[in-house]
PDB file of N, CA and C in Angstrom:
ATOM      1  N   UNK A   1     146.462  85.545 158.077  1.00  0.00           N
ATOM      2  CA  UNK A   1     145.651  85.803 156.919  1.00  0.00           C
ATOM      3  C   UNK A   1     146.336  85.191 155.696  1.00  0.00           C
ATOM      4  N   UNK A   2     145.561  84.602 154.813  1.00  0.00           N
ATOM      5  CA  UNK A   2     146.112  83.963 153.621  1.00  0.00           C
ATOM      6  C   UNK A   2     146.487  85.013 152.580  1.00  0.00           C
ATOM      7  N   UNK A   3     147.529  84.707 151.810  1.00  0.00           N
ATOM      8  CA  UNK A   3     147.919  85.595 150.718  1.00  0.00           C
ATOM      9  C   UNK A   3     146.859  85.574 149.636  1.00  0.00           C
ATOM     10  N   UNK A   4     146.653  86.706 148.990  1.00  0.00           N
ATOM     11  CA  UNK A   4     145.724  86.814 147.871  1.00  0.00           C
ATOM     12  C   UNK A   4     146.555  86.855 146.601  1.00  0.00           C
ATOM     13  N   UNK A   5     146.167  86.054 145.628  1.00  0.00           N
ATOM     14  CA  UNK A   5     146.911  85.984 144.376  1.00  0.00           C
ATOM     15  C   UNK A   5     146.544  87.158 143.476  1.00  0.00           C
ATOM     16  N   UNK A   6     147.555  87.824 142.929  1.00  0.00           N
ATOM     17  CA  UNK A   6     147.313  88.957 142.036  1.00  0.00           C
ATOM     18  C   UNK A   6     146.885  88.452 140.655  1.00  0.00           C
ATOM     19  N   UNK A   7     146.263  89.348 139.899  1.00  0.00           N
ATOM     20  CA  UNK A   7     145.861  89.004 138.534  1.00  0.00           C
ATOM     21  C   UNK A   7     147.094  88.697 137.676  1.00  0.00           C
ATOM     22  N   UNK A   8     148.166  89.460 137.874  1.00  0.00           N
ATOM     23  CA  UNK A   8     149.392  89.244 137.113  1.00  0.00           C
ATOM     24  C   UNK A   8     149.978  87.856 137.389  1.00  0.00           C
ATOM     25  N   UNK A   9     149.932  87.430 138.639  1.00  0.00           N
ATOM     26  CA  UNK A   9     150.427  86.086 138.984  1.00  0.00           C
ATOM     27  C   UNK A   9     149.559  85.017 138.325  1.00  0.00           C
ATOM     28  N   UNK A  10     148.240  85.205 138.347  1.00  0.00           N
ATOM     29  CA  UNK A  10     147.335  84.243 137.708  1.00  0.00           C
ATOM     30  C   UNK A  10     147.586  84.152 136.204  1.00  0.00           C
ATOM     31  N   UNK A  11     147.828  85.288 135.576  1.00  0.00           N
ATOM     32  CA  UNK A  11     148.122  85.303 134.138  1.00  0.00           C
ATOM     33  C   UNK A  11     149.444  84.599 133.868  1.00  0.00           C
ATOM     34  N   UNK A  12     150.459  84.869 134.677  1.00  0.00           N
ATOM     35  CA  UNK A  12     151.760  84.219 134.514  1.00  0.00           C
ATOM     36  C   UNK A  12     151.635  82.698 134.669  1.00  0.00           C
ATOM     37  N   UNK A  13     150.855  82.265 135.648  1.00  0.00           N
ATOM     38  CA  UNK A  13     150.646  80.826 135.850  1.00  0.00           C
ATOM     39  C   UNK A  13     149.917  80.207 134.667  1.00  0.00           C
ATOM     40  N   UNK A  14     148.901  80.891 134.144  1.00  0.00           N
ATOM     41  CA  UNK A  14     148.146  80.367 133.006  1.00  0.00           C
ATOM     42  C   UNK A  14     149.045  80.247 131.779  1.00  0.00           C
ATOM     43  N   UNK A  15     149.870  81.264 131.540  1.00  0.00           N
ATOM     44  CA  UNK A  15     150.774  81.223 130.383  1.00  0.00           C
ATOM     45  C   UNK A  15     151.827  80.131 130.534  1.00  0.00           C
ATOM     46  N   UNK A  16     152.377  79.986 131.728  1.00  0.00           N
ATOM     47  CA  UNK A  16     153.396  78.945 131.924  1.00  0.00           C
ATOM     48  C   UNK A  16     152.778  77.550 131.800  1.00  0.00           C
ATOM     49  N   UNK A  17     151.546  77.392 132.291  1.00  0.00           N
ATOM     50  CA  UNK A  17     150.860  76.110 132.160  1.00  0.00           C
ATOM     51  C   UNK A  17     150.607  75.782 130.689  1.00  0.00           C
ATOM     52  N   UNK A  18     150.148  76.778 129.918  1.00  0.00           N
ATOM     53  CA  UNK A  18     149.886  76.575 128.495  1.00  0.00           C
ATOM     54  C   UNK A  18     151.172  76.223 127.757  1.00  0.00           C
ATOM     55  N   UNK A  19     152.284  76.885 128.120  1.00  0.00           N
ATOM     56  CA  UNK A  19     153.576  76.603 127.505  1.00  0.00           C
ATOM     57  C   UNK A  19     154.015  75.168 127.796  1.00  0.00           C
ATOM     58  N   UNK A  20     153.905  74.761 129.051  1.00  0.00           N
ATOM     59  CA  UNK A  20     154.289  73.396 129.434  1.00  0.00           C
ATOM     60  C   UNK A  20     153.412  72.376 128.706  1.00  0.00           C
ATOM     61  N   UNK A  21     152.110  72.652 128.595  1.00  0.00           N
ATOM     62  CA  UNK A  21     151.211  71.751 127.873  1.00  0.00           C
ATOM     63  C   UNK A  21     151.561  71.637 126.399  1.00  0.00           C
ATOM     64  N   UNK A  22     151.933  72.737 125.791  1.00  0.00           N
ATOM     65  CA  UNK A  22     152.308  72.734 124.378  1.00  0.00           C
ATOM     66  C   UNK A  22     153.611  71.969 124.165  1.00  0.00           C
ATOM     67  N   UNK A  23     154.570  72.158 125.052  1.00  0.00           N
ATOM     68  CA  UNK A  23     155.833  71.412 124.966  1.00  0.00           C
ATOM     69  C   UNK A  23     155.564  69.915 125.123  1.00  0.00           C
ATOM     70  N   UNK A  24     154.691  69.552 126.045  1.00  0.00           N
ATOM     71  CA  UNK A  24     154.344  68.135 126.232  1.00  0.00           C
ATOM     72  C   UNK A  24     153.691  67.571 124.977  1.00  0.00           C
ATOM     73  N   UNK A  25     152.798  68.341 124.361  1.00  0.00           N
ATOM     74  CA  UNK A  25     152.156  67.897 123.119  1.00  0.00           C
ATOM     75  C   UNK A  25     153.194  67.687 122.029  1.00  0.00           C
ATOM     76  N   UNK A  26     154.160  68.610 121.929  1.00  0.00           N
ATOM     77  CA  UNK A  26     155.229  68.476 120.945  1.00  0.00           C
ATOM     78  C   UNK A  26     155.996  67.167 121.145  1.00  0.00           C
ATOM     79  N   UNK A  27     156.366  66.876 122.387  1.00  0.00           N
ATOM     80  CA  UNK A  27     157.137  65.656 122.642  1.00  0.00           C
ATOM     81  C   UNK A  27     156.316  64.387 122.390  1.00  0.00           C
ATOM     82  N   UNK A  28     155.055  64.406 122.737  1.00  0.00           N
ATOM     83  CA  UNK A  28     154.195  63.256 122.430  1.00  0.00           C
ATOM     84  C   UNK A  28     154.121  63.064 120.923  1.00  0.00           C
ATOM     85  N   UNK A  29     153.921  64.156 120.180  1.00  0.00           N
ATOM     86  CA  UNK A  29     153.865  64.071 118.717  1.00  0.00           C
ATOM     87  C   UNK A  29     155.188  63.577 118.154  1.00  0.00           C
ATOM     88  N   UNK A  30     156.297  64.001 118.723  1.00  0.00           N
ATOM     89  CA  UNK A  30     157.615  63.553 118.259  1.00  0.00           C
ATOM     90  C   UNK A  30     157.808  62.056 118.512  1.00  0.00           C
ATOM     91  N   UNK A  31     157.386  61.596 119.675  1.00  0.00           N
ATOM     92  CA  UNK A  31     157.507  60.170 120.000  1.00  0.00           C
ATOM     93  C   UNK A  31     156.627  59.333 119.084  1.00  0.00           C
ATOM     94  N   UNK A  32     155.409  59.788 118.842  1.00  0.00           N
ATOM     95  CA  UNK A  32     154.461  59.027 118.029  1.00  0.00           C
ATOM     96  C   UNK A  32     154.853  59.042 116.550  1.00  0.00           C
ATOM     97  N   UNK A  33     155.209  60.224 116.037  1.00  0.00           N
ATOM     98  CA  UNK A  33     155.483  60.336 114.593  1.00  0.00           C
ATOM     99  C   UNK A  33     156.941  60.085 114.234  1.00  0.00           C
ATOM    100  N   UNK A  34     157.835  60.336 115.176  1.00  0.00           N
ATOM    101  CA  UNK A  34     159.279  60.250 114.950  1.00  0.00           C
ATOM    102  C   UNK A  34     159.744  61.199 113.839  1.00  0.00           C
ATOM    103  N   UNK A  35     158.998  62.278 113.652  1.00  0.00           N
ATOM    104  CA  UNK A  35     159.334  63.274 112.627  1.00  0.00           C
ATOM    105  C   UNK A  35     159.310  64.658 113.269  1.00  0.00           C
ATOM    106  N   UNK A  36     160.467  65.302 113.287  1.00  0.00           N
ATOM    107  CA  UNK A  36     160.598  66.604 113.929  1.00  0.00           C
ATOM    108  C   UNK A  36     159.688  67.645 113.286  1.00  0.00           C
ATOM    109  N   UNK A  37     159.655  67.696 111.954  1.00  0.00           N
ATOM    110  CA  UNK A  37     158.855  68.724 111.288  1.00  0.00           C
ATOM    111  C   UNK A  37     157.365  68.551 111.576  1.00  0.00           C
ATOM    112  N   UNK A  38     156.887  67.329 111.577  1.00  0.00           N
ATOM    113  CA  UNK A  38     155.476  67.071 111.874  1.00  0.00           C
ATOM    114  C   UNK A  38     155.168  67.389 113.343  1.00  0.00           C
ATOM    115  N   UNK A  39     156.072  67.022 114.231  1.00  0.00           N
ATOM    116  CA  UNK A  39     155.884  67.314 115.657  1.00  0.00           C
ATOM    117  C   UNK A  39     155.839  68.827 115.890  1.00  0.00           C
ATOM    118  N   UNK A  40     156.676  69.587 115.195  1.00  0.00           N
ATOM    119  CA  UNK A  40     156.644  71.046 115.316  1.00  0.00           C
ATOM    120  C   UNK A  40     155.332  71.616 114.798  1.00  0.00           C
ATOM    121  N   UNK A  41     154.855  71.097 113.681  1.00  0.00           N
ATOM    122  CA  UNK A  41     153.578  71.557 113.133  1.00  0.00           C
ATOM    123  C   UNK A  41     152.445  71.299 114.120  1.00  0.00           C
ATOM    124  N   UNK A  42     152.441  70.123 114.705  1.00  0.00           N
ATOM    125  CA  UNK A  42     151.414  69.777 115.698  1.00  0.00           C
ATOM    126  C   UNK A  42     151.563  70.676 116.924  1.00  0.00           C
ATOM    127  N   UNK A  43     152.801  70.877 117.381  1.00  0.00           N
ATOM    128  CA  UNK A  43     153.055  71.717 118.552  1.00  0.00           C
ATOM    129  C   UNK A  43     152.629  73.156 118.349  1.00  0.00           C
ATOM    130  N   UNK A  44     152.741  73.655 117.127  1.00  0.00           N
ATOM    131  CA  UNK A  44     152.323  75.031 116.823  1.00  0.00           C
ATOM    132  C   UNK A  44     150.811  75.103 116.635  1.00  0.00           C
ATOM    133  N   UNK A  45     150.238  74.113 115.969  1.00  0.00           N
ATOM    134  CA  UNK A  45     148.798  74.129 115.693  1.00  0.00           C
ATOM    135  C   UNK A  45     147.969  73.915 116.966  1.00  0.00           C
ATOM    136  N   UNK A  46     148.470  73.130 117.892  1.00  0.00           N
ATOM    137  CA  UNK A  46     147.711  72.759 119.090  1.00  0.00           C
ATOM    138  C   UNK A  46     147.204  73.946 119.897  1.00  0.00           C
ATOM    139  N   UNK A  47     148.042  74.925 120.273  1.00  0.00           N
ATOM    140  CA  UNK A  47     147.502  76.029 121.078  1.00  0.00           C
ATOM    141  C   UNK A  47     146.536  76.916 120.289  1.00  0.00           C
ATOM    142  N   UNK A  48     146.762  77.060 118.993  1.00  0.00           N
ATOM    143  CA  UNK A  48     145.870  77.872 118.162  1.00  0.00           C
ATOM    144  C   UNK A  48     144.491  77.218 118.085  1.00  0.00           C
ATOM    145  N   UNK A  49     144.479  75.910 117.827  1.00  0.00           N
ATOM    146  CA  UNK A  49     143.212  75.175 117.744  1.00  0.00           C
ATOM    147  C   UNK A  49     142.497  75.180 119.094  1.00  0.00           C
ATOM    148  N   UNK A  50     143.234  74.946 120.158  1.00  0.00           N
ATOM    149  CA  UNK A  50     142.612  74.917 121.487  1.00  0.00           C
ATOM    150  C   UNK A  50     142.061  76.283 121.882  1.00  0.00           C
ATOM    151  N   UNK A  51     142.720  77.358 121.474  1.00  0.00           N
ATOM    152  CA  UNK A  51     142.202  78.696 121.752  1.00  0.00           C
ATOM    153  C   UNK A  51     140.864  78.907 121.043  1.00  0.00           C
ATOM    154  N   UNK A  52     140.791  78.493 119.780  1.00  0.00           N
ATOM    155  CA  UNK A  52     139.544  78.635 119.024  1.00  0.00           C
ATOM    156  C   UNK A  52     138.436  77.765 119.620  1.00  0.00           C
ATOM    157  N   UNK A  53     138.772  76.552 120.008  1.00  0.00           N
ATOM    158  CA  UNK A  53     137.779  75.655 120.616  1.00  0.00           C
ATOM    159  C   UNK A  53     137.296  76.222 121.949  1.00  0.00           C
ATOM    160  N   UNK A  54     138.211  76.753 122.743  1.00  0.00           N
ATOM    161  CA  UNK A  54     137.837  77.349 124.027  1.00  0.00           C
ATOM    162  C   UNK A  54     136.893  78.527 123.814  1.00  0.00           C
ATOM    163  N   UNK A  55     137.204  79.381 122.845  1.00  0.00           N
ATOM    164  CA  UNK A  55     136.356  80.535 122.554  1.00  0.00           C
ATOM    165  C   UNK A  55     134.949  80.080 122.152  1.00  0.00           C
ATOM    166  N   UNK A  56     134.879  79.113 121.242  1.00  0.00           N
ATOM    167  CA  UNK A  56     133.580  78.585 120.824  1.00  0.00           C
ATOM    168  C   UNK A  56     132.815  77.970 121.983  1.00  0.00           C
ATOM    169  N   UNK A  57     133.507  77.251 122.833  1.00  0.00           N
ATOM    170  CA  UNK A  57     132.901  76.618 124.000  1.00  0.00           C
ATOM    171  C   UNK A  57     132.319  77.673 124.944  1.00  0.00           C
ATOM    172  N   UNK A  58     133.087  78.730 125.197  1.00  0.00           N
ATOM    173  CA  UNK A  58     132.618  79.812 126.062  1.00  0.00           C
ATOM    174  C   UNK A  58     131.394  80.509 125.467  1.00  0.00           C
ATOM    175  N   UNK A  59     131.412  80.778 124.163  1.00  0.00           N
ATOM    176  CA  UNK A  59     130.282  81.449 123.518  1.00  0.00           C
ATOM    177  C   UNK A  59     129.040  80.564 123.562  1.00  0.00           C
ATOM    178  N   UNK A  60     129.216  79.269 123.362  1.00  0.00           N
ATOM    179  CA  UNK A  60     128.095  78.338 123.430  1.00  0.00           C
ATOM    180  C   UNK A  60     127.491  78.342 124.828  1.00  0.00           C
ATOM    181  N   UNK A  61     128.328  78.257 125.846  1.00  0.00           N
ATOM    182  CA  UNK A  61     127.823  78.279 127.219  1.00  0.00           C
ATOM    183  C   UNK A  61     127.198  79.619 127.562  1.00  0.00           C
ATOM    184  N   UNK A  62     127.548  80.673 126.848  1.00  0.00           N
ATOM    185  CA  UNK A  62     126.949  81.973 127.073  1.00  0.00           C
ATOM    186  C   UNK A  62     125.470  82.016 126.722  1.00  0.00           C
ATOM    187  N   UNK A  63     125.030  81.140 125.826  1.00  0.00           N
ATOM    188  CA  UNK A  63     123.621  81.124 125.433  1.00  0.00           C
ATOM    189  C   UNK A  63     122.820  80.022 126.127  1.00  0.00           C
ATOM    190  N   UNK A  64     123.506  79.148 126.857  1.00  0.00           N
ATOM    191  CA  UNK A  64     122.822  78.074 127.577  1.00  0.00           C
ATOM    192  C   UNK A  64     122.335  78.610 128.926  1.00  0.00           C
ATOM    193  N   UNK A  65     121.081  78.400 129.231  1.00  0.00           N
ATOM    194  CA  UNK A  65     120.482  78.934 130.460  1.00  0.00           C
ATOM    195  C   UNK A  65     120.744  78.049 131.691  1.00  0.00           C
ATOM    196  N   UNK A  66     121.186  76.825 131.494  1.00  0.00           N
ATOM    197  CA  UNK A  66     121.400  75.872 132.580  1.00  0.00           C
ATOM    198  C   UNK A  66     122.257  76.473 133.697  1.00  0.00           C
ATOM    199  N   UNK A  67     121.743  76.431 134.917  1.00  0.00           N
ATOM    200  CA  UNK A  67     122.492  76.851 136.096  1.00  0.00           C
ATOM    201  C   UNK A  67     122.561  78.345 136.323  1.00  0.00           C
ATOM    202  N   UNK A  68     121.928  79.127 135.482  1.00  0.00           N
ATOM    203  CA  UNK A  68     121.936  80.579 135.657  1.00  0.00           C
ATOM    204  C   UNK A  68     120.782  81.012 136.537  1.00  0.00           C
ATOM    205  N   UNK A  69     121.031  82.025 137.303  1.00  0.00           N
ATOM    206  CA  UNK A  69     119.987  82.596 138.149  1.00  0.00           C
ATOM    207  C   UNK A  69     119.845  84.066 137.792  1.00  0.00           C
ATOM    208  N   UNK A  70     118.613  84.513 137.702  1.00  0.00           N
ATOM    209  CA  UNK A  70     118.341  85.912 137.451  1.00  0.00           C
ATOM    210  C   UNK A  70     118.288  86.644 138.779  1.00  0.00           C
ATOM    211  N   UNK A  71     119.061  87.741 138.886  1.00  0.00           N
ATOM    212  CA  UNK A  71     119.020  88.465 140.160  1.00  0.00           C
ATOM    213  C   UNK A  71     117.642  89.055 140.397  1.00  0.00           C
ATOM    214  N   UNK A  72     117.218  89.109 141.641  1.00  0.00           N
ATOM    215  CA  UNK A  72     115.882  89.661 141.930  1.00  0.00           C
ATOM    216  C   UNK A  72     115.818  91.143 141.588  1.00  0.00           C
ATOM    217  N   UNK A  73     114.642  91.613 141.207  1.00  0.00           N
ATOM    218  CA  UNK A  73     114.422  93.032 140.950  1.00  0.00           C
ATOM    219  C   UNK A  73     114.253  93.740 142.283  1.00  0.00           C
ATOM    220  N   UNK A  74     114.911  94.846 142.434  1.00  0.00           N
ATOM    221  CA  UNK A  74     114.786  95.627 143.662  1.00  0.00           C
ATOM    222  C   UNK A  74     114.154  96.970 143.335  1.00  0.00           C
ATOM    223  N   UNK A  75     113.241  97.390 144.168  1.00  0.00           N
ATOM    224  CA  UNK A  75     112.660  98.714 144.008  1.00  0.00           C
ATOM    225  C   UNK A  75     113.346  99.644 144.980  1.00  0.00           C
ATOM    226  N   UNK A  76     113.662 100.817 144.499  1.00  0.00           N
ATOM    227  CA  UNK A  76     114.346 101.778 145.348  1.00  0.00           C
ATOM    228  C   UNK A  76     113.397 102.887 145.721  1.00  0.00           C
TER     229      UNK A  76
END
């Protein structure tokens, strides 16, 4: 039988992935700008902006009917 992943493990993986992505963004910004202070600002702003964009994206998809199915009505 295959192992089932716990919610805590999924959260830990998501946080570690986000951290690694933010560190990568910082280094890309540092290479491109060659300025530590600007790279730090970009590295800090990136996860905040992406969180807001993700939230907006989710809310927008919440009102889009595409691909949704209405469950059938059952009489008891």
